[in-house]
Protein backbone atom coordinates (compact mmCIF):
# COMPACT_ATOMS: atom_id res chain seq x y z
CA MET A 1 125.52 -94.99 32.48
CA THR A 2 124.89 -91.24 32.41
CA THR A 3 126.60 -90.87 35.80
CA SER A 4 129.80 -92.36 34.36
CA ILE A 5 129.66 -90.06 31.33
CA THR A 6 128.91 -87.07 33.58
CA THR A 7 131.83 -87.96 35.85
CA GLU A 8 134.19 -88.17 32.86
CA THR A 9 132.85 -84.87 31.50
CA ASN A 10 133.32 -83.20 34.89
CA LYS A 11 136.91 -84.49 35.04
CA PHE A 12 137.55 -83.08 31.56
CA ILE A 13 136.07 -79.70 32.52
CA LYS A 14 138.10 -79.56 35.74
CA GLN A 15 141.24 -80.28 33.71
CA GLU A 16 140.32 -77.58 31.18
CA LEU A 17 139.82 -75.06 33.98
CA SER A 18 143.11 -76.08 35.55
CA ASN A 19 144.80 -75.48 32.18
CA VAL A 20 143.13 -72.06 31.90
CA LEU A 21 144.37 -71.14 35.37
CA LYS A 22 147.95 -72.04 34.40
CA GLU A 23 148.16 -71.03 30.75
CA TYR A 24 146.42 -67.67 30.63
CA ASP A 25 147.06 -66.10 34.01
CA TYR A 26 149.71 -63.85 32.39
CA GLY A 27 147.10 -62.24 30.13
CA VAL A 28 144.39 -61.45 32.68
CA ILE A 29 144.32 -59.71 36.05
CA PRO A 30 146.49 -61.93 38.31
CA ASN A 31 144.56 -64.39 40.46
CA SER A 32 141.23 -63.34 38.94
CA ILE A 33 140.33 -66.74 37.45
CA LYS A 34 137.84 -68.48 39.74
CA ILE A 35 135.68 -71.56 39.33
CA LEU A 36 132.04 -70.75 40.07
CA PRO A 37 129.33 -73.11 41.30
CA THR A 38 126.66 -73.91 38.74
CA LYS A 39 122.98 -73.64 39.49
CA SER A 40 121.19 -76.60 38.03
CA LEU A 41 118.12 -78.60 38.85
CA ASN A 42 119.75 -81.62 37.20
CA PRO A 43 121.93 -83.58 39.66
CA ASP A 44 123.93 -85.02 36.73
CA ALA A 45 124.82 -81.53 35.48
CA HIS A 46 128.43 -80.43 35.11
CA GLN A 47 129.51 -79.05 38.45
CA SER A 48 132.47 -76.93 37.37
CA SER A 49 131.67 -75.64 33.92
CA LEU A 50 131.36 -72.00 34.94
CA PHE A 51 134.21 -69.65 35.80
CA GLN A 52 135.03 -65.97 35.93
CA LEU A 53 138.09 -63.94 35.12
CA THR A 54 138.95 -60.28 34.89
CA LEU A 55 140.50 -58.98 31.69
CA LEU A 56 143.40 -56.54 31.77
CA GLU A 57 140.84 -53.96 30.60
CA ASN A 58 139.10 -54.35 34.03
CA ILE A 59 136.14 -56.24 32.60
CA LYS A 60 134.86 -59.25 34.50
CA LEU A 61 133.70 -62.13 32.32
CA ILE A 62 131.58 -65.10 33.32
CA ILE A 63 132.41 -67.98 30.99
CA THR A 64 130.91 -71.42 30.65
CA ILE A 65 132.42 -74.47 29.03
CA ALA A 66 129.84 -76.26 26.91
CA GLU A 67 129.90 -78.82 24.12
CA GLU A 68 130.05 -75.88 21.67
CA GLY A 69 133.15 -74.46 23.36
CA TYR A 70 133.89 -71.51 25.64
CA ILE A 71 130.95 -69.11 25.88
CA ILE A 72 130.87 -65.69 27.57
CA THR A 73 127.60 -65.40 29.46
CA GLU A 74 128.24 -62.06 31.19
CA ALA A 75 130.58 -59.10 30.78
CA ASP A 76 130.62 -56.36 33.42
CA PRO A 77 133.01 -53.52 34.24
CA VAL A 78 135.00 -53.86 37.46
CA ASP A 79 134.70 -50.12 38.06
CA VAL A 80 132.02 -47.65 37.01
CA THR A 81 133.68 -46.50 33.81
CA VAL A 82 131.96 -47.83 30.72
CA ASN A 83 134.13 -47.83 27.64
CA GLU A 84 134.62 -49.29 24.20
CA ASP A 85 136.45 -52.31 25.67
CA LEU A 86 133.25 -53.29 27.49
CA GLU A 87 131.23 -52.91 24.30
CA CYS A 88 133.77 -55.08 22.47
CA ALA A 89 133.44 -57.80 25.12
CA LYS A 90 129.64 -57.64 25.16
CA LYS A 91 129.37 -58.24 21.43
CA TRP A 92 130.83 -61.72 22.02
CA ILE A 93 128.26 -62.79 24.65
CA ASN A 94 126.68 -66.19 23.85
CA LYS A 95 129.01 -66.80 20.90
CA PRO A 96 131.06 -70.00 21.26
CA PHE A 97 134.83 -70.14 20.85
CA GLU A 98 136.67 -73.39 20.20
CA THR A 99 139.53 -72.39 22.51
CA MET A 100 140.07 -70.11 25.47
CA GLU A 101 142.89 -68.48 23.54
CA ALA A 102 140.53 -67.54 20.70
CA LEU A 103 138.04 -66.08 23.17
CA LEU A 104 140.67 -63.96 24.93
CA LEU A 105 142.17 -62.76 21.65
CA ALA A 106 138.72 -61.66 20.45
CA VAL A 107 137.65 -59.77 23.58
CA SER A 108 140.90 -58.37 24.98
CA PRO A 109 143.35 -56.28 22.95
CA LYS A 110 145.66 -56.17 26.00
CA PHE A 111 145.64 -59.98 26.17
CA GLY A 112 146.55 -59.99 22.48
CA ASP A 113 149.54 -57.76 23.22
CA LYS A 114 150.70 -60.01 26.11
CA PHE A 115 150.10 -63.14 24.03
CA HIS A 116 152.18 -61.85 21.14
CA GLN A 117 154.96 -60.73 23.52
CA ALA A 118 155.05 -64.20 25.11
CA LEU A 119 155.01 -65.88 21.70
CA PHE A 120 157.84 -63.67 20.43
CA SER A 121 159.86 -64.35 23.60
CA ASN A 122 159.38 -68.10 23.25
CA LEU A 123 160.34 -68.02 19.58
CA SER A 124 163.41 -65.91 20.35
CA ASN A 125 164.48 -68.36 23.05
CA LEU A 126 163.97 -71.28 20.66
CA SER A 127 165.96 -69.49 17.98
CA GLN A 128 168.82 -68.81 20.42
CA GLN A 129 168.83 -72.48 21.47
CA SER A 130 168.94 -73.57 17.82
CA ILE A 131 171.82 -71.20 17.08
CA GLY A 132 173.64 -72.48 20.18
CA ASN A 133 173.16 -76.08 19.11
CA ILE A 134 174.46 -75.34 15.61
CA THR A 135 177.57 -73.53 16.84
CA ASN A 136 178.33 -76.25 19.39
CA ASN A 137 178.35 -78.97 16.71
């Protein structure tokens, strides 16, 4: 019974990671999102619940997906410069987020900028389509 539940959970996690790879690649360093192997003594453990990505601020995060949500387990600079962006990311370690979007908005001001630009662009396109539909009728 637990194997079936674990298999379903692993499928869900793989799908979540696939969504993260597609949906948020614009707001992190390109091609930096990678699924990591988990180290567990339990053979029924989730096999793909850990991944890493690099923020636009050049901070590498290790994130796990747990029942509580997305949790940053590590935050390290990509280069040797330590700055306030790293301190901002570190204050969120071990605090769960319901969504990946909420996590990225909290830890990455540059992601927030990209997110708002994408949102504005999508809303502008939608508005233009609506105006076009009204004038064509």
